[in-house]
Amino acid sequence: MPSRKIAALALLLTVSLLACSACARPPEISGEVVMFSATWCGPCQSMHKIIREAKEQGIPITVYDIDDDKALSKRHRVTAVPTFLKLDNRGREVARRSGAMSLEELRRFAER
């Protein structure tokens, strides 16, 4: 009987740990364009006006700072900024581009 209690407690502990680690993960991003940026990056800073205009036109874009969101940057293998990812609804990368771009280029990228 004690071994059943130990097994049950072990299972409960495992489930609790899995739930806890899920809460600690960075937010999932999907179905949108994501820009990885940095405060020290000149081209990134020049993109902020274009990003604001794109959002006003209804293009869904989320900006992450690579210094603030290191785990997310690492998971998406971001090695240069600015880097743009187009993600499907499951969070899978379907397109990638590094470097600044015009509003029209960003619109075409988002429509992929």
N, C-alpha and C. Protein backbone atom coordinates (compact mmCIF):
# COMPACT_ATOMS: atom_id res chain seq x y z
N MET A 1 0.81 -1.19 0.00
CA MET A 1 0.00 0.00 0.00
C MET A 1 0.86 1.27 0.00
N PRO A 2 1.96 1.34 0.78
CA PRO A 2 2.78 2.55 0.78
C PRO A 2 3.36 2.85 -0.61
N SER A 3 3.67 1.82 -1.40
CA SER A 3 4.25 2.07 -2.71
C SER A 3 3.23 2.73 -3.65
N ARG A 4 1.94 2.43 -3.47
CA ARG A 4 0.91 3.08 -4.28
C ARG A 4 0.80 4.56 -3.92
N LYS A 5 0.92 4.86 -2.63
CA LYS A 5 0.87 6.25 -2.20
C LYS A 5 2.08 7.02 -2.73
N ILE A 6 3.22 6.39 -2.70
CA ILE A 6 4.44 7.02 -3.21
C ILE A 6 4.31 7.26 -4.71
N ALA A 7 3.79 6.29 -5.43
CA ALA A 7 3.59 6.44 -6.88
C ALA A 7 2.60 7.56 -7.17
N ALA A 8 1.53 7.63 -6.40
CA ALA A 8 0.53 8.67 -6.60
C ALA A 8 1.12 10.05 -6.32
N LEU A 9 1.92 10.14 -5.24
CA LEU A 9 2.55 11.42 -4.91
C LEU A 9 3.57 11.82 -5.98
N ALA A 10 4.30 10.84 -6.48
CA ALA A 10 5.27 11.12 -7.55
C ALA A 10 4.57 11.63 -8.80
N LEU A 11 3.45 11.03 -9.14
CA LEU A 11 2.68 11.48 -10.30
C LEU A 11 2.16 12.89 -10.08
N LEU A 12 1.63 13.17 -8.92
CA LEU A 12 1.11 14.49 -8.59
C LEU A 12 2.23 15.53 -8.66
N LEU A 13 3.40 15.19 -8.14
CA LEU A 13 4.53 16.09 -8.17
C LEU A 13 4.97 16.36 -9.61
N THR A 14 5.00 15.34 -10.44
CA THR A 14 5.39 15.49 -11.84
C THR A 14 4.42 16.41 -12.57
N VAL A 15 3.13 16.19 -12.38
CA VAL A 15 2.11 17.03 -13.01
C VAL A 15 2.25 18.48 -12.54
N SER A 16 2.49 18.67 -11.25
CA SER A 16 2.65 20.01 -10.71
C SER A 16 3.86 20.71 -11.29
N LEU A 17 4.96 19.99 -11.43
CA LEU A 17 6.17 20.58 -12.00
C LEU A 17 5.97 20.94 -13.46
N LEU A 18 5.29 20.10 -14.21
CA LEU A 18 5.02 20.40 -15.61
C LEU A 18 4.15 21.64 -15.74
N ALA A 19 3.15 21.76 -14.90
CA ALA A 19 2.27 22.93 -14.94
C ALA A 19 3.05 24.19 -14.57
N CYS A 20 3.92 24.08 -13.59
CA CYS A 20 4.71 25.21 -13.16
C CYS A 20 5.67 25.66 -14.25
N SER A 21 6.33 24.72 -14.92
CA SER A 21 7.28 25.09 -15.97
C SER A 21 6.56 25.69 -17.17
N ALA A 22 5.32 25.29 -17.41
CA ALA A 22 4.54 25.88 -18.50
C ALA A 22 4.27 27.35 -18.21
N CYS A 23 4.05 27.69 -16.94
CA CYS A 23 3.80 29.08 -16.57
C CYS A 23 5.04 29.94 -16.74
N ALA A 24 6.21 29.36 -16.61
CA ALA A 24 7.45 30.11 -16.68
C ALA A 24 7.95 30.32 -18.10
N ARG A 25 7.36 29.65 -19.08
CA ARG A 25 7.79 29.80 -20.46
C ARG A 25 7.43 31.18 -20.99
N PRO A 26 8.22 31.68 -21.97
CA PRO A 26 7.85 32.95 -22.58
C PRO A 26 6.54 32.80 -23.34
N PRO A 27 5.84 33.88 -23.59
CA PRO A 27 4.56 33.78 -24.26
C PRO A 27 4.71 33.20 -25.66
N GLU A 28 3.74 32.42 -26.07
CA GLU A 28 3.73 31.88 -27.43
C GLU A 28 3.29 32.98 -28.37
N ILE A 29 3.85 32.98 -29.53
CA ILE A 29 3.50 33.97 -30.53
C ILE A 29 3.09 33.23 -31.78
N SER A 30 2.00 33.64 -32.39
CA SER A 30 1.57 32.92 -33.58
C SER A 30 0.62 33.75 -34.42
N GLY A 31 0.50 33.36 -35.68
CA GLY A 31 -0.44 33.97 -36.59
C GLY A 31 -0.18 35.44 -36.84
N GLU A 32 1.07 35.85 -36.80
CA GLU A 32 1.37 37.26 -36.96
C GLU A 32 2.81 37.46 -37.38
N VAL A 33 3.16 38.73 -37.57
CA VAL A 33 4.54 39.10 -37.81
C VAL A 33 5.15 39.47 -36.48
N VAL A 34 6.35 39.00 -36.25
CA VAL A 34 7.07 39.30 -35.03
C VAL A 34 8.37 39.98 -35.41
N MET A 35 8.68 41.08 -34.73
CA MET A 35 9.95 41.76 -34.95
C MET A 35 10.79 41.62 -33.69
N PHE A 36 12.00 41.12 -33.86
CA PHE A 36 12.97 41.09 -32.77
C PHE A 36 13.85 42.32 -32.93
N SER A 37 13.96 43.09 -31.86
CA SER A 37 14.60 44.39 -31.89
C SER A 37 15.55 44.53 -30.72
N ALA A 38 16.23 45.68 -30.65
CA ALA A 38 17.08 46.01 -29.50
C ALA A 38 17.14 47.53 -29.37
N THR A 39 17.23 48.01 -28.15
CA THR A 39 17.26 49.46 -27.92
C THR A 39 18.52 50.09 -28.49
N TRP A 40 19.61 49.33 -28.57
CA TRP A 40 20.88 49.84 -29.05
C TRP A 40 21.03 49.73 -30.57
N CYS A 41 20.02 49.22 -31.25
CA CYS A 41 20.08 48.97 -32.70
C CYS A 41 19.45 50.14 -33.47
N GLY A 42 20.27 50.88 -34.22
CA GLY A 42 19.79 52.01 -35.00
C GLY A 42 18.70 51.65 -36.00
N PRO A 43 18.92 50.63 -36.86
CA PRO A 43 17.88 50.25 -37.81
C PRO A 43 16.58 49.82 -37.12
N CYS A 44 16.68 49.20 -35.95
CA CYS A 44 15.48 48.80 -35.20
C CYS A 44 14.69 50.04 -34.79
N GLN A 45 15.39 51.04 -34.30
CA GLN A 45 14.73 52.25 -33.85
C GLN A 45 14.05 52.96 -35.02
N SER A 46 14.69 52.93 -36.19
CA SER A 46 14.08 53.57 -37.36
C SER A 46 12.82 52.82 -37.82
N MET A 47 12.69 51.55 -37.47
CA MET A 47 11.53 50.74 -37.86
C MET A 47 10.29 51.03 -37.01
N HIS A 48 10.47 51.64 -35.84
CA HIS A 48 9.33 51.81 -34.94
C HIS A 48 8.22 52.67 -35.54
N LYS A 49 8.57 53.71 -36.30
CA LYS A 49 7.54 54.52 -36.96
C LYS A 49 6.79 53.68 -37.99
N ILE A 50 7.51 52.88 -38.75
CA ILE A 50 6.89 52.02 -39.76
C ILE A 50 6.01 50.97 -39.08
N ILE A 51 6.47 50.41 -37.98
CA ILE A 51 5.68 49.43 -37.23
C ILE A 51 4.37 50.07 -36.75
N ARG A 52 4.46 51.28 -36.23
CA ARG A 52 3.26 51.99 -35.76
C ARG A 52 2.28 52.20 -36.91
N GLU A 53 2.78 52.62 -38.07
CA GLU A 53 1.92 52.82 -39.24
C GLU A 53 1.29 51.50 -39.69
N ALA A 54 2.07 50.43 -39.67
CA ALA A 54 1.56 49.11 -40.08
C ALA A 54 0.44 48.67 -39.14
N LYS A 55 0.63 48.86 -37.84
CA LYS A 55 -0.41 48.49 -36.87
C LYS A 55 -1.68 49.30 -37.10
N GLU A 56 -1.52 50.59 -37.43
CA GLU A 56 -2.68 51.44 -37.70
C GLU A 56 -3.44 50.95 -38.93
N GLN A 57 -2.73 50.29 -39.84
CA GLN A 57 -3.36 49.74 -41.06
C GLN A 57 -3.87 48.32 -40.84
N GLY A 58 -3.79 47.83 -39.61
CA GLY A 58 -4.34 46.53 -39.28
C GLY A 58 -3.41 45.35 -39.46
N ILE A 59 -2.12 45.61 -39.68
CA ILE A 59 -1.16 44.51 -39.80
C ILE A 59 -0.74 44.10 -38.39
N PRO A 60 -1.00 42.84 -38.01
CA PRO A 60 -0.65 42.40 -36.64
C PRO A 60 0.86 42.18 -36.49
N ILE A 61 1.48 43.01 -35.68
CA ILE A 61 2.93 42.92 -35.45
C ILE A 61 3.18 43.02 -33.96
N THR A 62 4.04 42.16 -33.46
CA THR A 62 4.47 42.21 -32.08
C THR A 62 5.97 42.40 -32.06
N VAL A 63 6.46 43.29 -31.21
CA VAL A 63 7.88 43.57 -31.12
C VAL A 63 8.42 43.03 -29.81
N TYR A 64 9.52 42.28 -29.91
CA TYR A 64 10.21 41.75 -28.74
C TYR A 64 11.62 42.28 -28.72
N ASP A 65 12.09 42.67 -27.55
CA ASP A 65 13.47 43.12 -27.38
C ASP A 65 14.33 41.90 -27.06
N ILE A 66 15.39 41.71 -27.82
CA ILE A 66 16.21 40.49 -27.62
C ILE A 66 16.91 40.48 -26.27
N ASP A 67 17.13 41.65 -25.70
CA ASP A 67 17.77 41.70 -24.38
C ASP A 67 16.77 41.41 -23.26
N ASP A 68 15.50 41.73 -23.48
CA ASP A 68 14.47 41.47 -22.47
C ASP A 68 13.86 40.08 -22.62
N ASP A 69 13.84 39.55 -23.83
CA ASP A 69 13.22 38.26 -24.13
C ASP A 69 14.25 37.29 -24.70
N LYS A 70 15.29 37.03 -23.92
CA LYS A 70 16.40 36.20 -24.40
C LYS A 70 15.97 34.77 -24.73
N ALA A 71 15.12 34.19 -23.93
CA ALA A 71 14.69 32.81 -24.18
C ALA A 71 13.92 32.71 -25.48
N LEU A 72 13.04 33.67 -25.73
CA LEU A 72 12.26 33.68 -26.96
C LEU A 72 13.16 33.91 -28.17
N SER A 73 14.10 34.82 -28.03
CA SER A 73 15.06 35.08 -29.11
C SER A 73 15.89 33.83 -29.42
N LYS A 74 16.31 33.16 -28.39
CA LYS A 74 17.11 31.94 -28.57
C LYS A 74 16.27 30.84 -29.22
N ARG A 75 15.02 30.69 -28.77
CA ARG A 75 14.16 29.65 -29.32
C ARG A 75 13.92 29.85 -30.82
N HIS A 76 13.86 31.11 -31.24
CA HIS A 76 13.64 31.40 -32.66
C HIS A 76 14.95 31.66 -33.41
N ARG A 77 16.08 31.37 -32.76
CA ARG A 77 17.40 31.47 -33.38
C ARG A 77 17.66 32.84 -34.01
N VAL A 78 17.35 33.89 -33.26
CA VAL A 78 17.59 35.25 -33.74
C VAL A 78 19.03 35.62 -33.44
N THR A 79 19.79 35.93 -34.50
CA THR A 79 21.21 36.27 -34.34
C THR A 79 21.53 37.68 -34.83
N ALA A 80 20.55 38.35 -35.44
CA ALA A 80 20.74 39.71 -35.93
C ALA A 80 19.45 40.49 -35.70
N VAL A 81 19.57 41.80 -35.58
CA VAL A 81 18.39 42.63 -35.42
C VAL A 81 18.45 43.80 -36.40
N PRO A 82 17.32 44.26 -36.90
CA PRO A 82 16.01 43.68 -36.68
C PRO A 82 15.82 42.40 -37.47
N THR A 83 15.11 41.45 -36.88
CA THR A 83 14.71 40.22 -37.57
C THR A 83 13.20 40.12 -37.50
N PHE A 84 12.60 39.84 -38.65
CA PHE A 84 11.16 39.68 -38.75
C PHE A 84 10.83 38.22 -39.02
N LEU A 85 9.86 37.70 -38.29
CA LEU A 85 9.37 36.34 -38.53
C LEU A 85 7.89 36.41 -38.86
N LYS A 86 7.48 35.63 -39.80
CA LYS A 86 6.06 35.43 -40.07
C LYS A 86 5.74 34.06 -39.51
N LEU A 87 4.79 34.01 -38.59
CA LEU A 87 4.44 32.76 -37.93
C LEU A 87 3.03 32.35 -38.32
N ASP A 88 2.83 31.03 -38.46
CA ASP A 88 1.47 30.54 -38.72
C ASP A 88 0.72 30.47 -37.40
N ASN A 89 -0.51 30.00 -37.44
CA ASN A 89 -1.35 29.96 -36.24
C ASN A 89 -0.86 28.99 -35.18
N ARG A 90 0.07 28.12 -35.54
CA ARG A 90 0.64 27.19 -34.56
C ARG A 90 1.98 27.68 -34.04
N GLY A 91 2.38 28.88 -34.45
CA GLY A 91 3.65 29.44 -33.98
C GLY A 91 4.85 28.96 -34.76
N ARG A 92 4.62 28.30 -35.90
CA ARG A 92 5.73 27.82 -36.73
C ARG A 92 6.16 28.91 -37.70
N GLU A 93 7.45 29.05 -37.85
CA GLU A 93 7.99 30.04 -38.76
C GLU A 93 7.71 29.66 -40.21
N VAL A 94 7.15 30.60 -40.97
CA VAL A 94 6.89 30.37 -42.39
C VAL A 94 7.72 31.31 -43.26
N ALA A 95 8.27 32.37 -42.66
CA ALA A 95 9.14 33.29 -43.39
C ALA A 95 10.01 34.04 -42.40
N ARG A 96 11.18 34.48 -42.88
CA ARG A 96 12.13 35.22 -42.04
C ARG A 96 12.83 36.25 -42.90
N ARG A 97 13.08 37.40 -42.29
CA ARG A 97 13.85 38.43 -42.97
C ARG A 97 14.56 39.27 -41.94
N SER A 98 15.82 39.56 -42.20
CA SER A 98 16.59 40.44 -41.31
C SER A 98 16.86 41.75 -42.02
N GLY A 99 16.89 42.82 -41.24
CA GLY A 99 17.15 44.14 -41.78
C GLY A 99 15.90 45.00 -41.83
N ALA A 100 16.12 46.30 -41.91
CA ALA A 100 15.01 47.24 -41.98
C ALA A 100 14.31 47.12 -43.33
N MET A 101 13.03 47.51 -43.36
CA MET A 101 12.28 47.48 -44.61
C MET A 101 11.26 48.60 -44.62
N SER A 102 10.77 48.91 -45.80
CA SER A 102 9.76 49.95 -45.95
C SER A 102 8.40 49.42 -45.50
N LEU A 103 7.43 50.32 -45.39
CA LEU A 103 6.08 49.91 -45.02
C LEU A 103 5.51 48.95 -46.06
N GLU A 104 5.75 49.23 -47.33
CA GLU A 104 5.25 48.36 -48.40
C GLU A 104 5.91 46.97 -48.33
N GLU A 105 7.20 46.93 -48.08
CA GLU A 105 7.89 45.64 -47.95
C GLU A 105 7.35 44.86 -46.75
N LEU A 106 7.10 45.57 -45.66
CA LEU A 106 6.55 44.93 -44.46
C LEU A 106 5.15 44.38 -44.74
N ARG A 107 4.35 45.14 -45.46
CA ARG A 107 3.00 44.69 -45.82
C ARG A 107 3.07 43.40 -46.66
N ARG A 108 3.95 43.38 -47.65
CA ARG A 108 4.10 42.18 -48.50
C ARG A 108 4.59 40.99 -47.66
N PHE A 109 5.51 41.25 -46.76
CA PHE A 109 6.03 40.20 -45.88
C PHE A 109 4.90 39.62 -45.03
N ALA A 110 4.04 40.50 -44.48
CA ALA A 110 2.94 40.06 -43.62
C ALA A 110 1.89 39.26 -44.39
N GLU A 111 1.76 39.52 -45.69
CA GLU A 111 0.75 38.84 -46.50
C GLU A 111 1.19 37.47 -46.97
N ARG A 112 2.40 37.08 -46.71
CA ARG A 112 2.90 35.76 -47.15
C ARG A 112 2.08 34.66 -46.56
